[in-house]
Protein backbone atom coordinates (compact mmCIF):
# COMPACT_ATOMS: atom_id res chain seq x y z
CA MET A 1 -36.53 -3.71 17.57
CA ALA A 2 -33.43 -1.53 17.41
CA ASP A 3 -30.97 -1.78 14.56
CA THR A 4 -27.49 -2.68 15.64
CA VAL A 5 -24.31 -2.30 13.68
CA SER A 6 -21.84 -5.12 13.92
CA HIS A 7 -18.25 -3.92 14.10
CA ILE A 8 -15.39 -6.23 13.27
CA ASP A 9 -12.01 -5.15 14.56
CA MET A 10 -8.66 -6.39 13.36
CA PRO A 11 -4.96 -5.74 13.82
CA ILE A 12 -3.57 -2.92 11.67
CA GLU A 13 -1.43 -5.39 9.70
CA GLU A 14 -4.51 -7.40 8.72
CA TYR A 15 -6.36 -4.19 7.82
CA LEU A 16 -3.55 -3.03 5.52
CA ARG A 17 -3.19 -6.43 3.85
CA GLY A 18 -6.91 -6.28 3.11
CA VAL A 19 -6.66 -2.87 1.45
CA VAL A 20 -4.70 -4.10 -1.57
CA GLY A 21 -4.66 -7.30 -3.59
CA TYR A 22 -0.90 -7.76 -3.30
CA GLN A 23 1.17 -10.11 -1.22
CA ILE A 24 2.73 -7.69 1.24
CA ALA A 25 6.09 -8.56 2.78
CA ASP A 26 6.17 -8.42 6.59
CA ASN A 27 9.19 -6.10 6.53
CA ALA A 28 7.30 -3.67 4.27
CA LEU A 29 4.40 -3.48 6.71
CA ASN A 30 6.77 -3.14 9.64
CA SER A 31 8.58 -0.26 7.90
CA ILE A 32 5.32 1.57 7.24
CA LEU A 33 4.15 1.13 10.82
CA PHE A 34 7.55 2.17 12.19
CA LYS A 35 7.55 5.32 10.06
CA ARG A 36 4.08 6.22 11.35
CA LYS A 37 4.98 5.30 14.97
CA ILE A 38 2.26 2.64 15.18
CA ALA A 39 2.69 -0.62 17.10
CA ALA A 40 2.35 -3.72 14.91
CA GLU A 41 -0.16 -5.20 17.34
CA ALA A 42 -2.38 -2.07 17.33
CA MET A 43 -6.01 -2.63 16.49
CA ALA A 44 -7.30 -0.74 13.45
CA SER A 45 -10.18 0.72 15.47
CA SER A 46 -7.73 2.37 17.89
CA LEU A 47 -6.15 4.46 15.12
CA THR A 48 -7.32 7.79 13.76
CA GLU A 49 -8.64 8.22 10.22
CA LYS A 50 -5.45 10.15 9.45
CA GLN A 51 -3.21 7.30 10.62
CA LEU A 52 -5.19 4.74 8.61
CA ASP A 53 -5.17 6.93 5.49
CA LEU A 54 -1.45 7.70 5.64
CA CYS A 55 -0.51 4.05 6.24
CA THR A 56 -2.71 3.14 3.29
CA ALA A 57 -1.03 5.79 1.12
CA ASP A 58 2.41 4.46 2.11
CA LEU A 59 1.25 0.96 1.21
CA TYR A 60 -0.06 2.12 -2.18
CA LEU A 61 3.38 3.54 -2.97
CA TRP A 62 5.07 0.32 -1.85
CA CYS A 63 2.78 -1.65 -4.18
CA ALA A 64 3.50 0.77 -7.04
CA ALA A 65 7.23 0.18 -6.53
CA THR A 66 7.01 -3.63 -6.69
CA PRO A 67 8.11 -5.50 -9.82
CA SER A 68 5.53 -5.68 -12.61
CA THR A 69 5.56 -9.47 -12.71
CA GLN A 70 6.16 -12.28 -10.29
CA ASN A 71 6.79 -15.74 -11.61
CA ASN A 72 4.59 -18.72 -11.05
CA THR A 73 5.76 -21.84 -9.29
CA GLU A 74 5.06 -24.82 -11.47
CA ASP A 75 5.30 -28.54 -10.67
CA SER A 76 4.69 -31.33 -13.11
CA ASP A 77 5.04 -35.07 -13.02
CA GLY A 78 4.06 -37.30 -15.86
CA GLY A 79 0.56 -36.34 -16.89
CA TRP A 80 -0.30 -33.75 -14.23
CA LYS A 81 0.69 -30.16 -13.72
CA HIS A 82 0.20 -27.76 -10.78
CA VAL A 83 0.76 -23.99 -10.99
CA GLU A 84 0.76 -21.59 -8.01
CA GLY A 85 1.07 -17.86 -7.55
CA GLY A 86 2.25 -15.32 -10.04
CA TRP A 87 0.76 -12.01 -11.03
CA GLN A 88 1.34 -9.12 -13.37
CA THR A 89 0.63 -5.41 -13.01
CA SER A 90 0.49 -2.77 -15.69
CA ALA A 91 1.82 0.77 -15.84
CA PHE A 92 -1.82 1.88 -15.51
CA ASP A 93 -2.17 -0.05 -12.23
CA LYS A 94 0.95 1.62 -10.87
CA ARG A 95 -0.22 5.10 -11.95
CA GLU A 96 -3.58 4.49 -10.26
CA LEU A 97 -1.87 3.42 -7.02
CA ARG A 98 0.30 6.55 -7.07
CA ALA A 99 -2.74 8.74 -7.76
CA MET A 100 -4.67 7.20 -4.86
CA ALA A 101 -1.65 7.69 -2.57
CA LYS A 102 -1.28 11.32 -3.69
CA GLU A 103 -4.95 11.99 -2.95
CA LEU A 104 -4.58 10.66 0.61
CA TYR A 105 -1.34 12.59 1.24
CA GLU A 106 -2.97 15.80 -0.01
CA LYS A 107 -6.02 15.18 2.18
CA TRP A 108 -3.76 15.32 5.25
CA GLY A 109 -1.36 18.03 4.04
CA GLU A 110 1.64 15.77 3.40
CA ASN A 111 3.87 15.71 0.35
CA MET A 112 4.36 12.48 -1.51
CA PRO A 113 7.70 10.94 -0.56
CA GLY A 114 10.32 11.88 -3.12
CA LYS A 115 8.33 14.88 -4.29
CA SER A 116 9.37 18.42 -3.48
CA LYS A 117 7.39 21.63 -3.70
CA MET A 118 10.57 23.51 -4.55
CA LYS A 119 10.68 24.82 -8.11
CA ILE A 120 13.86 25.65 -9.96
CA VAL A 121 13.61 28.68 -12.19
CA HIS A 122 16.25 29.06 -14.86
CA PHE A 123 17.05 32.67 -15.73
CA GLY A 124 19.76 31.82 -18.26
CA ILE A 125 23.04 33.54 -18.93
CA ARG A 126 23.24 36.47 -21.33
């Protein structure tokens, strides 16, 4: 009996949402895909490893730039209470996301957005 590998395919948007534990805004995903020239309806299996990695890196940076807290929605009536949503991230979480993004950008020879390789050397005035 031959071993078979089951392969589950999914749209790139679903793939990216599954990479991080954040609620990702549709316009954020669309911006990432637009930047990388990838159709929103593209299947993840049709993309190269480089495309998947760089979209993931872009998403990590988007997550690192989100607010540190999001409020809960709370309803109460008489004796019952219902709370939904809300989350909090730490500075450590954001540093880790940036580090993971940097690793992926370096893997494919790209600079992190907002970072320059140019160095300014000050010679001073005498």
